[in-house]
N, C-alpha and C. Protein backbone atom coordinates (compact mmCIF):
# COMPACT_ATOMS: atom_id res chain seq x y z
N MET A 1 -30.43 104.62 57.15
CA MET A 1 -31.14 103.42 57.54
C MET A 1 -31.51 103.56 59.02
N ASP A 2 -32.65 103.01 59.34
CA ASP A 2 -33.16 103.09 60.71
C ASP A 2 -32.47 102.06 61.59
N TYR A 3 -31.94 102.50 62.73
CA TYR A 3 -31.22 101.61 63.63
C TYR A 3 -32.12 100.56 64.29
N SER A 4 -33.38 100.87 64.44
CA SER A 4 -34.30 99.90 65.07
C SER A 4 -34.47 98.66 64.18
N ILE A 5 -34.41 98.81 62.87
CA ILE A 5 -34.50 97.67 61.95
C ILE A 5 -33.26 96.80 62.07
N ILE A 6 -32.09 97.43 62.16
CA ILE A 6 -30.84 96.69 62.31
C ILE A 6 -30.84 95.93 63.63
N ILE A 7 -31.28 96.54 64.70
CA ILE A 7 -31.35 95.89 66.01
C ILE A 7 -32.35 94.74 65.96
N ALA A 8 -33.47 94.92 65.28
CA ALA A 8 -34.47 93.86 65.17
C ALA A 8 -33.91 92.67 64.39
N TYR A 9 -33.18 92.92 63.31
CA TYR A 9 -32.56 91.82 62.56
C TYR A 9 -31.50 91.09 63.40
N ALA A 10 -30.69 91.85 64.13
CA ALA A 10 -29.67 91.23 64.98
C ALA A 10 -30.32 90.39 66.07
N PHE A 11 -31.36 90.90 66.69
CA PHE A 11 -32.07 90.16 67.72
C PHE A 11 -32.70 88.89 67.12
N GLY A 12 -33.26 89.02 65.94
CA GLY A 12 -33.86 87.86 65.27
C GLY A 12 -32.83 86.79 64.95
N LEU A 13 -31.65 87.19 64.49
CA LEU A 13 -30.58 86.23 64.20
C LEU A 13 -30.10 85.54 65.47
N ILE A 14 -29.95 86.29 66.54
CA ILE A 14 -29.52 85.70 67.81
C ILE A 14 -30.58 84.73 68.32
N LEU A 15 -31.83 85.11 68.23
CA LEU A 15 -32.92 84.24 68.66
C LEU A 15 -32.98 82.97 67.80
N LEU A 16 -32.78 83.11 66.51
CA LEU A 16 -32.76 81.95 65.62
C LEU A 16 -31.60 81.03 65.95
N TYR A 17 -30.44 81.58 66.28
CA TYR A 17 -29.28 80.78 66.68
C TYR A 17 -29.57 80.01 67.97
N ILE A 18 -30.15 80.66 68.94
CA ILE A 18 -30.46 80.02 70.23
C ILE A 18 -31.47 78.90 70.04
N ILE A 19 -32.50 79.13 69.29
CA ILE A 19 -33.51 78.09 69.04
C ILE A 19 -32.90 76.93 68.27
N GLY A 20 -32.04 77.22 67.31
CA GLY A 20 -31.37 76.16 66.57
C GLY A 20 -30.50 75.30 67.47
N ARG A 21 -29.79 75.91 68.40
CA ARG A 21 -28.95 75.15 69.35
C ARG A 21 -29.82 74.29 70.26
N ILE A 22 -30.95 74.82 70.71
CA ILE A 22 -31.84 74.07 71.59
C ILE A 22 -32.40 72.85 70.88
N VAL A 23 -32.71 72.97 69.61
CA VAL A 23 -33.27 71.87 68.85
C VAL A 23 -32.19 70.89 68.39
N PHE A 24 -31.03 71.39 67.99
CA PHE A 24 -30.01 70.55 67.39
C PHE A 24 -29.27 69.67 68.40
N VAL A 25 -29.02 70.16 69.60
CA VAL A 25 -28.25 69.40 70.59
C VAL A 25 -28.97 68.11 70.97
N PRO A 26 -30.27 68.09 71.28
CA PRO A 26 -30.92 66.81 71.59
C PRO A 26 -30.94 65.85 70.41
N VAL A 27 -31.06 66.34 69.20
CA VAL A 27 -31.05 65.47 68.02
C VAL A 27 -29.67 64.84 67.86
N LYS A 28 -28.63 65.62 68.07
CA LYS A 28 -27.27 65.11 67.98
C LYS A 28 -27.03 64.06 69.05
N PHE A 29 -27.51 64.30 70.26
CA PHE A 29 -27.36 63.34 71.36
C PHE A 29 -28.14 62.06 71.05
N ALA A 30 -29.34 62.18 70.51
CA ALA A 30 -30.13 60.99 70.18
C ALA A 30 -29.47 60.17 69.08
N LEU A 31 -28.91 60.82 68.08
CA LEU A 31 -28.22 60.09 67.01
C LEU A 31 -26.98 59.38 67.55
N LYS A 32 -26.25 60.02 68.45
CA LYS A 32 -25.08 59.39 69.05
C LYS A 32 -25.50 58.20 69.91
N LEU A 33 -26.61 58.32 70.61
CA LEU A 33 -27.12 57.23 71.43
C LEU A 33 -27.52 56.04 70.56
N ILE A 34 -28.17 56.28 69.44
CA ILE A 34 -28.56 55.21 68.52
C ILE A 34 -27.32 54.56 67.92
N TYR A 35 -26.35 55.35 67.51
CA TYR A 35 -25.11 54.83 66.93
C TYR A 35 -24.38 53.95 67.94
N ASN A 36 -24.23 54.41 69.17
CA ASN A 36 -23.56 53.63 70.20
C ASN A 36 -24.32 52.35 70.52
N GLY A 37 -25.63 52.41 70.49
CA GLY A 37 -26.43 51.21 70.72
C GLY A 37 -26.23 50.16 69.64
N ILE A 38 -26.12 50.61 68.40
CA ILE A 38 -25.88 49.68 67.29
C ILE A 38 -24.50 49.05 67.41
N ILE A 39 -23.50 49.86 67.72
CA ILE A 39 -22.14 49.33 67.91
C ILE A 39 -22.12 48.34 69.07
N GLY A 40 -22.80 48.67 70.15
CA GLY A 40 -22.88 47.76 71.30
C GLY A 40 -23.57 46.46 70.95
N GLY A 41 -24.63 46.53 70.15
CA GLY A 41 -25.30 45.31 69.71
C GLY A 41 -24.41 44.43 68.86
N ILE A 42 -23.63 45.05 68.00
CA ILE A 42 -22.69 44.29 67.16
C ILE A 42 -21.63 43.62 68.02
N MET A 43 -21.12 44.35 69.02
CA MET A 43 -20.12 43.77 69.92
C MET A 43 -20.70 42.59 70.69
N LEU A 44 -21.93 42.73 71.16
CA LEU A 44 -22.56 41.63 71.89
C LEU A 44 -22.84 40.44 70.97
N TRP A 45 -23.23 40.72 69.75
CA TRP A 45 -23.48 39.65 68.79
C TRP A 45 -22.19 38.86 68.54
N PHE A 46 -21.07 39.59 68.36
CA PHE A 46 -19.78 38.94 68.17
C PHE A 46 -19.39 38.14 69.41
N LEU A 47 -19.66 38.70 70.60
CA LEU A 47 -19.37 37.97 71.84
C LEU A 47 -20.21 36.70 71.93
N ASN A 48 -21.45 36.76 71.51
CA ASN A 48 -22.31 35.57 71.56
C ASN A 48 -21.83 34.50 70.57
N ILE A 49 -21.31 34.91 69.42
CA ILE A 49 -20.78 33.94 68.45
C ILE A 49 -19.54 33.26 69.01
N VAL A 50 -18.60 34.06 69.51
CA VAL A 50 -17.37 33.51 70.07
C VAL A 50 -17.66 32.78 71.38
N GLY A 51 -18.52 33.34 72.20
CA GLY A 51 -18.84 32.75 73.50
C GLY A 51 -19.64 31.46 73.42
N SER A 52 -20.25 31.17 72.29
CA SER A 52 -21.02 29.93 72.17
C SER A 52 -20.11 28.70 72.32
N TYR A 53 -18.83 28.86 71.99
CA TYR A 53 -17.88 27.76 72.15
C TYR A 53 -17.54 27.52 73.63
N PHE A 54 -17.76 28.55 74.46
CA PHE A 54 -17.42 28.46 75.87
C PHE A 54 -18.65 28.41 76.77
N GLY A 55 -19.84 28.40 76.18
CA GLY A 55 -21.07 28.38 76.96
C GLY A 55 -21.46 29.74 77.51
N LEU A 56 -21.04 30.80 76.85
CA LEU A 56 -21.32 32.16 77.29
C LEU A 56 -22.34 32.79 76.35
N HIS A 57 -23.41 33.34 76.93
CA HIS A 57 -24.43 34.01 76.14
C HIS A 57 -24.95 35.19 76.93
N ILE A 58 -24.98 36.35 76.31
CA ILE A 58 -25.56 37.55 76.91
C ILE A 58 -26.66 38.02 75.96
N GLY A 59 -27.84 38.21 76.50
CA GLY A 59 -28.96 38.66 75.68
C GLY A 59 -28.74 40.05 75.13
N ILE A 60 -29.16 40.24 73.91
CA ILE A 60 -29.03 41.55 73.28
C ILE A 60 -30.37 42.26 73.40
N ASN A 61 -30.41 43.29 74.22
CA ASN A 61 -31.59 44.13 74.38
C ASN A 61 -31.10 45.58 74.42
N PRO A 62 -32.00 46.54 74.44
CA PRO A 62 -31.55 47.94 74.39
C PRO A 62 -30.62 48.32 75.56
N VAL A 63 -30.85 47.80 76.74
CA VAL A 63 -30.01 48.17 77.89
C VAL A 63 -28.60 47.62 77.72
N THR A 64 -28.46 46.34 77.39
CA THR A 64 -27.13 45.76 77.24
C THR A 64 -26.40 46.36 76.04
N ALA A 65 -27.13 46.65 74.97
CA ALA A 65 -26.50 47.26 73.80
C ALA A 65 -25.99 48.66 74.12
N LEU A 66 -26.75 49.44 74.88
CA LEU A 66 -26.30 50.78 75.23
C LEU A 66 -25.13 50.75 76.22
N VAL A 67 -25.15 49.80 77.17
CA VAL A 67 -24.01 49.68 78.09
C VAL A 67 -22.75 49.34 77.30
N ALA A 68 -22.86 48.39 76.40
CA ALA A 68 -21.71 48.00 75.58
C ALA A 68 -21.31 49.13 74.63
N GLY A 69 -22.27 49.87 74.13
CA GLY A 69 -21.98 50.97 73.22
C GLY A 69 -21.32 52.15 73.92
N PHE A 70 -21.80 52.51 75.11
CA PHE A 70 -21.21 53.63 75.83
C PHE A 70 -19.84 53.30 76.39
N LEU A 71 -19.70 52.13 76.97
CA LEU A 71 -18.46 51.80 77.66
C LEU A 71 -17.47 51.04 76.78
N GLY A 72 -17.90 50.54 75.64
CA GLY A 72 -17.02 49.81 74.74
C GLY A 72 -16.67 48.44 75.29
N VAL A 73 -15.43 48.04 75.12
CA VAL A 73 -14.97 46.73 75.57
C VAL A 73 -15.11 46.58 77.10
N PRO A 74 -14.79 47.61 77.90
CA PRO A 74 -15.02 47.45 79.34
C PRO A 74 -16.50 47.23 79.68
N GLY A 75 -17.40 47.77 78.88
CA GLY A 75 -18.82 47.53 79.09
C GLY A 75 -19.21 46.09 78.84
N VAL A 76 -18.62 45.50 77.80
CA VAL A 76 -18.89 44.09 77.51
C VAL A 76 -18.33 43.21 78.64
N ILE A 77 -17.13 43.55 79.13
CA ILE A 77 -16.55 42.81 80.25
C ILE A 77 -17.43 42.97 81.49
N LEU A 78 -17.94 44.17 81.71
CA LEU A 78 -18.86 44.41 82.82
C LEU A 78 -20.11 43.54 82.72
N LEU A 79 -20.66 43.42 81.53
CA LEU A 79 -21.85 42.59 81.34
C LEU A 79 -21.55 41.11 81.60
N VAL A 80 -20.37 40.67 81.18
CA VAL A 80 -19.98 39.26 81.43
C VAL A 80 -19.83 39.03 82.93
N VAL A 81 -19.17 39.97 83.62
CA VAL A 81 -18.99 39.82 85.07
C VAL A 81 -20.34 39.87 85.77
N LEU A 82 -21.21 40.77 85.37
CA LEU A 82 -22.54 40.84 85.98
C LEU A 82 -23.34 39.56 85.75
N LYS A 83 -23.17 38.97 84.59
CA LYS A 83 -23.89 37.73 84.31
C LYS A 83 -23.47 36.63 85.30
N TYR A 84 -22.17 36.54 85.56
CA TYR A 84 -21.71 35.50 86.47
C TYR A 84 -21.97 35.84 87.94
N VAL A 85 -22.00 37.12 88.28
CA VAL A 85 -22.27 37.53 89.66
C VAL A 85 -23.75 37.37 89.99
N LEU A 86 -24.61 37.76 89.08
CA LEU A 86 -26.05 37.76 89.35
C LEU A 86 -26.72 36.43 89.10
N VAL A 87 -26.08 35.54 88.36
CA VAL A 87 -26.71 34.25 88.06
C VAL A 87 -26.15 33.16 88.91
């Protein structure tokens, strides 16, 4: 068997792996970002339901949902503190 064909196949497989990693990593990051945004929106929605008894309301938009999604409960607390500091 010719060694140049084996080297060409190996190079092609390595190139295919590199291209797959370049394409897959941003898709994985985007899916994680969407998932965290949905979780953050649910947390804010629950906060708005419970907070309605105390006069607390935080608008649900992409920025607040992502802050709550990335940071979790501390992110929701941060949004509450920012609401009272900035208003």
